[in-house]
Amino acid sequence: MHRLFTSGLDEAMVYHIISTVCLTIAVVVYLSDFPQRWFSGTFDIIGQSHQLFHVLSALCCYFDILAVEQDMRASDRHWSVLSVQPDTPSLLHVSTAAILLIIFSYKFASRCLQSHGQRIGICPCLCCKQTDPKMKYQ
């Protein structure tokens, strides 16, 4: 809203508004179960509110990308600072960060599952057939 009132209505701002409208309509359609509530049996396979939600969300992302592209092309905005940055993350940096994130997520998830299994009395490995009087095995 601040940008709309301070810099006026340029091409990028129009894309931002369209994006916001698409996302708002997506939420309203999804929450109201629009087609299947009023036309039951007609939209069982194609045209459900969940599918319309995904289409409108994709349109929202598309218009956001167009808006950011227009913002970056405008030389009078603060995005021009990005054009003089000496280095951007390489594929090696991004893939290393992704691998570390996957390893961390796996370790965290496995620790949570083990502690949850011990709390509810299930063997942590979920495949043991050992008999332990304290544990109830499934």
C-alpha atoms as a PDB file:
ATOM      1  CA  MET A   1       0.000   0.000   0.000  1.00  0.00           C
ATOM      2  CA  HIS A   2       2.838   2.362   0.829  1.00  0.00           C
ATOM      3  CA  ARG A   3       4.357   1.934  -2.592  1.00  0.00           C
ATOM      4  CA  LEU A   4       1.015   2.473  -4.321  1.00  0.00           C
ATOM      5  CA  PHE A   5       0.588   5.830  -2.606  1.00  0.00           C
ATOM      6  CA  THR A   6       4.209   6.991  -2.885  1.00  0.00           C
ATOM      7  CA  SER A   7       5.298   5.951  -6.362  1.00  0.00           C
ATOM      8  CA  GLY A   8       2.022   5.755  -8.214  1.00  0.00           C
ATOM      9  CA  LEU A   9       0.661   3.108 -10.532  1.00  0.00           C
ATOM     10  CA  ASP A  10       3.432   1.790 -12.756  1.00  0.00           C
ATOM     11  CA  GLU A  11       3.580  -1.482 -14.713  1.00  0.00           C
ATOM     12  CA  ALA A  12       5.140  -3.438 -11.845  1.00  0.00           C
ATOM     13  CA  MET A  13       2.501  -2.208  -9.426  1.00  0.00           C
ATOM     14  CA  VAL A  14      -0.259  -3.353 -11.793  1.00  0.00           C
ATOM     15  CA  TYR A  15       1.281  -6.852 -11.769  1.00  0.00           C
ATOM     16  CA  HIS A  16       1.448  -6.789  -7.961  1.00  0.00           C
ATOM     17  CA  ILE A  17      -2.243  -5.834  -7.786  1.00  0.00           C
ATOM     18  CA  ILE A  18      -3.223  -8.600 -10.240  1.00  0.00           C
ATOM     19  CA  SER A  19      -1.197 -11.067  -8.174  1.00  0.00           C
ATOM     20  CA  THR A  20      -2.945 -10.011  -4.979  1.00  0.00           C
ATOM     21  CA  VAL A  21      -6.367 -10.273  -6.624  1.00  0.00           C
ATOM     22  CA  CYS A  22      -5.561 -13.784  -7.953  1.00  0.00           C
ATOM     23  CA  LEU A  23      -4.470 -14.958  -4.526  1.00  0.00           C
ATOM     24  CA  THR A  24      -7.518 -13.448  -2.830  1.00  0.00           C
ATOM     25  CA  ILE A  25      -9.864 -15.118  -5.312  1.00  0.00           C
ATOM     26  CA  ALA A  26      -7.974 -18.411  -4.845  1.00  0.00           C
ATOM     27  CA  VAL A  27      -8.520 -18.330  -1.093  1.00  0.00           C
ATOM     28  CA  VAL A  28     -12.213 -17.414  -1.428  1.00  0.00           C
ATOM     29  CA  VAL A  29     -12.836 -20.162  -4.023  1.00  0.00           C
ATOM     30  CA  TYR A  30     -11.031 -22.770  -1.931  1.00  0.00           C
ATOM     31  CA  LEU A  31     -12.738 -21.887   1.344  1.00  0.00           C
ATOM     32  CA  SER A  32     -16.202 -21.627  -0.143  1.00  0.00           C
ATOM     33  CA  ASP A  33     -16.023 -24.904  -2.143  1.00  0.00           C
ATOM     34  CA  PHE A  34     -17.543 -22.867  -4.953  1.00  0.00           C
ATOM     35  CA  PRO A  35     -18.216 -25.233  -7.832  1.00  0.00           C
ATOM     36  CA  GLN A  36     -18.922 -28.449  -5.975  1.00  0.00           C
ATOM     37  CA  ARG A  37     -21.196 -26.898  -3.344  1.00  0.00           C
ATOM     38  CA  TRP A  38     -23.639 -25.346  -5.820  1.00  0.00           C
ATOM     39  CA  PHE A  39     -23.291 -27.871  -8.646  1.00  0.00           C
ATOM     40  CA  SER A  40     -22.891 -31.189  -6.842  1.00  0.00           C
ATOM     41  CA  GLY A  41     -21.844 -34.062  -9.054  1.00  0.00           C
ATOM     42  CA  THR A  42     -20.776 -31.817 -11.947  1.00  0.00           C
ATOM     43  CA  PHE A  43     -17.251 -30.979 -10.793  1.00  0.00           C
ATOM     44  CA  ASP A  44     -16.215 -34.308  -9.300  1.00  0.00           C
ATOM     45  CA  ILE A  45     -13.145 -34.795 -11.512  1.00  0.00           C
ATOM     46  CA  ILE A  46     -12.289 -31.501 -13.202  1.00  0.00           C
ATOM     47  CA  GLY A  47     -12.976 -28.018 -11.847  1.00  0.00           C
ATOM     48  CA  GLN A  48     -12.954 -28.645  -8.112  1.00  0.00           C
ATOM     49  CA  SER A  49     -12.193 -25.722  -5.822  1.00  0.00           C
ATOM     50  CA  HIS A  50      -8.863 -27.281  -4.880  1.00  0.00           C
ATOM     51  CA  GLN A  51      -7.830 -27.421  -8.540  1.00  0.00           C
ATOM     52  CA  LEU A  52      -8.981 -23.855  -9.136  1.00  0.00           C
ATOM     53  CA  PHE A  53      -6.994 -22.830  -6.062  1.00  0.00           C
ATOM     54  CA  HIS A  54      -3.832 -24.301  -7.603  1.00  0.00           C
ATOM     55  CA  VAL A  55      -4.423 -22.622 -10.971  1.00  0.00           C
ATOM     56  CA  LEU A  56      -5.022 -19.236  -9.367  1.00  0.00           C
ATOM     57  CA  SER A  57      -2.005 -19.659  -7.082  1.00  0.00           C
ATOM     58  CA  ALA A  58       0.166 -20.421 -10.111  1.00  0.00           C
ATOM     59  CA  LEU A  59      -1.158 -17.282 -11.799  1.00  0.00           C
ATOM     60  CA  CYS A  60      -0.320 -15.346  -8.641  1.00  0.00           C
ATOM     61  CA  CYS A  61       3.278 -16.601  -8.807  1.00  0.00           C
ATOM     62  CA  TYR A  62       3.475 -15.759 -12.507  1.00  0.00           C
ATOM     63  CA  PHE A  63       2.344 -12.167 -11.963  1.00  0.00           C
ATOM     64  CA  ASP A  64       4.704 -11.839  -8.994  1.00  0.00           C
ATOM     65  CA  ILE A  65       7.604 -12.858 -11.228  1.00  0.00           C
ATOM     66  CA  LEU A  66       6.550 -10.326 -13.849  1.00  0.00           C
ATOM     67  CA  ALA A  67       6.315  -7.617 -11.182  1.00  0.00           C
ATOM     68  CA  VAL A  68       9.760  -8.365  -9.768  1.00  0.00           C
ATOM     69  CA  GLU A  69      11.210  -8.402 -13.285  1.00  0.00           C
ATOM     70  CA  GLN A  70       9.731  -4.966 -13.939  1.00  0.00           C
ATOM     71  CA  ASP A  71      11.043  -3.728 -10.598  1.00  0.00           C
ATOM     72  CA  MET A  72      14.534  -4.945 -11.422  1.00  0.00           C
ATOM     73  CA  ARG A  73      14.514  -3.340 -14.872  1.00  0.00           C
ATOM     74  CA  ALA A  74      13.613   0.071 -13.485  1.00  0.00           C
ATOM     75  CA  SER A  75      16.860   1.936 -12.833  1.00  0.00           C
ATOM     76  CA  ASP A  76      15.379   4.447 -10.416  1.00  0.00           C
ATOM     77  CA  ARG A  77      14.604   1.876  -7.739  1.00  0.00           C
ATOM     78  CA  HIS A  78      16.787   0.290  -5.087  1.00  0.00           C
ATOM     79  CA  TRP A  79      17.015  -2.952  -7.124  1.00  0.00           C
ATOM     80  CA  SER A  80      19.799  -1.317  -9.179  1.00  0.00           C
ATOM     81  CA  VAL A  81      22.181  -2.157  -6.328  1.00  0.00           C
ATOM     82  CA  LEU A  82      21.939  -5.818  -7.311  1.00  0.00           C
ATOM     83  CA  SER A  83      23.516  -5.200 -10.707  1.00  0.00           C
ATOM     84  CA  VAL A  84      26.841  -4.177  -9.135  1.00  0.00           C
ATOM     85  CA  GLN A  85      27.212  -7.087  -6.771  1.00  0.00           C
ATOM     86  CA  PRO A  86      30.470  -8.894  -7.563  1.00  0.00           C
ATOM     87  CA  ASP A  87      29.375 -12.467  -6.954  1.00  0.00           C
ATOM     88  CA  THR A  88      26.236 -14.515  -6.883  1.00  0.00           C
ATOM     89  CA  PRO A  89      25.946 -17.931  -5.274  1.00  0.00           C
ATOM     90  CA  SER A  90      27.263 -20.637  -7.559  1.00  0.00           C
ATOM     91  CA  LEU A  91      25.675 -23.999  -8.179  1.00  0.00           C
ATOM     92  CA  LEU A  92      28.232 -25.503  -5.794  1.00  0.00           C
ATOM     93  CA  HIS A  93      27.163 -23.171  -2.977  1.00  0.00           C
ATOM     94  CA  VAL A  94      23.467 -23.794  -3.524  1.00  0.00           C
ATOM     95  CA  SER A  95      23.827 -27.580  -3.817  1.00  0.00           C
ATOM     96  CA  THR A  96      26.042 -27.724  -0.697  1.00  0.00           C
ATOM     97  CA  ALA A  97      23.460 -25.774   1.270  1.00  0.00           C
ATOM     98  CA  ALA A  98      20.671 -28.058  -0.028  1.00  0.00           C
ATOM     99  CA  ILE A  99      22.579 -31.225   0.935  1.00  0.00           C
ATOM    100  CA  LEU A 100      23.309 -29.870   4.414  1.00  0.00           C
ATOM    101  CA  LEU A 101      19.654 -28.952   4.829  1.00  0.00           C
ATOM    102  CA  ILE A 102      18.570 -32.456   3.800  1.00  0.00           C
ATOM    103  CA  ILE A 103      21.022 -34.072   6.239  1.00  0.00           C
ATOM    104  CA  PHE A 104      19.926 -31.790   9.082  1.00  0.00           C
ATOM    105  CA  SER A 105      16.244 -32.437   8.323  1.00  0.00           C
ATOM    106  CA  TYR A 106      16.792 -36.196   8.257  1.00  0.00           C
ATOM    107  CA  LYS A 107      18.679 -36.165  11.564  1.00  0.00           C
ATOM    108  CA  PHE A 108      16.055 -33.975  13.203  1.00  0.00           C
ATOM    109  CA  ALA A 109      13.139 -36.048  11.889  1.00  0.00           C
ATOM    110  CA  SER A 110      14.701 -39.364  12.905  1.00  0.00           C
ATOM    111  CA  ARG A 111      15.414 -38.050  16.410  1.00  0.00           C
ATOM    112  CA  CYS A 112      11.832 -36.817  16.763  1.00  0.00           C
ATOM    113  CA  LEU A 113      10.413 -40.124  15.538  1.00  0.00           C
ATOM    114  CA  GLN A 114      12.580 -42.108  17.966  1.00  0.00           C
ATOM    115  CA  SER A 115      11.623 -39.984  20.954  1.00  0.00           C
ATOM    116  CA  HIS A 116       7.952 -40.152  19.952  1.00  0.00           C
ATOM    117  CA  GLY A 117       8.152 -43.927  19.585  1.00  0.00           C
ATOM    118  CA  GLN A 118       9.686 -44.263  23.043  1.00  0.00           C
ATOM    119  CA  ARG A 119       7.052 -42.015  24.597  1.00  0.00           C
ATOM    120  CA  ILE A 120       4.130 -44.021  23.260  1.00  0.00           C
ATOM    121  CA  GLY A 121       5.770 -47.386  23.884  1.00  0.00           C
ATOM    122  CA  ILE A 122       6.737 -48.451  20.384  1.00  0.00           C
ATOM    123  CA  CYS A 123      10.149 -49.831  19.493  1.00  0.00           C
ATOM    124  CA  PRO A 124      12.192 -47.006  17.869  1.00  0.00           C
ATOM    125  CA  CYS A 125      13.231 -49.150  14.912  1.00  0.00           C
ATOM    126  CA  LEU A 126       9.602 -50.313  14.388  1.00  0.00           C
ATOM    127  CA  CYS A 127      10.791 -53.721  13.226  1.00  0.00           C
ATOM    128  CA  CYS A 128      11.947 -55.392  16.451  1.00  0.00           C
ATOM    129  CA  LYS A 129      10.218 -58.524  17.520  1.00  0.00           C
ATOM    130  CA  GLN A 130      11.993 -58.595  20.873  1.00  0.00           C
ATOM    131  CA  THR A 131       9.834 -58.885  23.904  1.00  0.00           C
ATOM    132  CA  ASP A 132      10.321 -56.141  26.414  1.00  0.00           C
ATOM    133  CA  PRO A 133       7.780 -55.951  29.241  1.00  0.00           C
ATOM    134  CA  LYS A 134       8.040 -52.159  29.330  1.00  0.00           C
ATOM    135  CA  MET A 135       7.345 -51.727  25.617  1.00  0.00           C
ATOM    136  CA  LYS A 136       4.215 -52.516  23.660  1.00  0.00           C
ATOM    137  CA  TYR A 137       5.181 -53.561  20.151  1.00  0.00           C
ATOM    138  CA  GLN A 138       2.824 -53.275  17.236  1.00  0.00           C
END
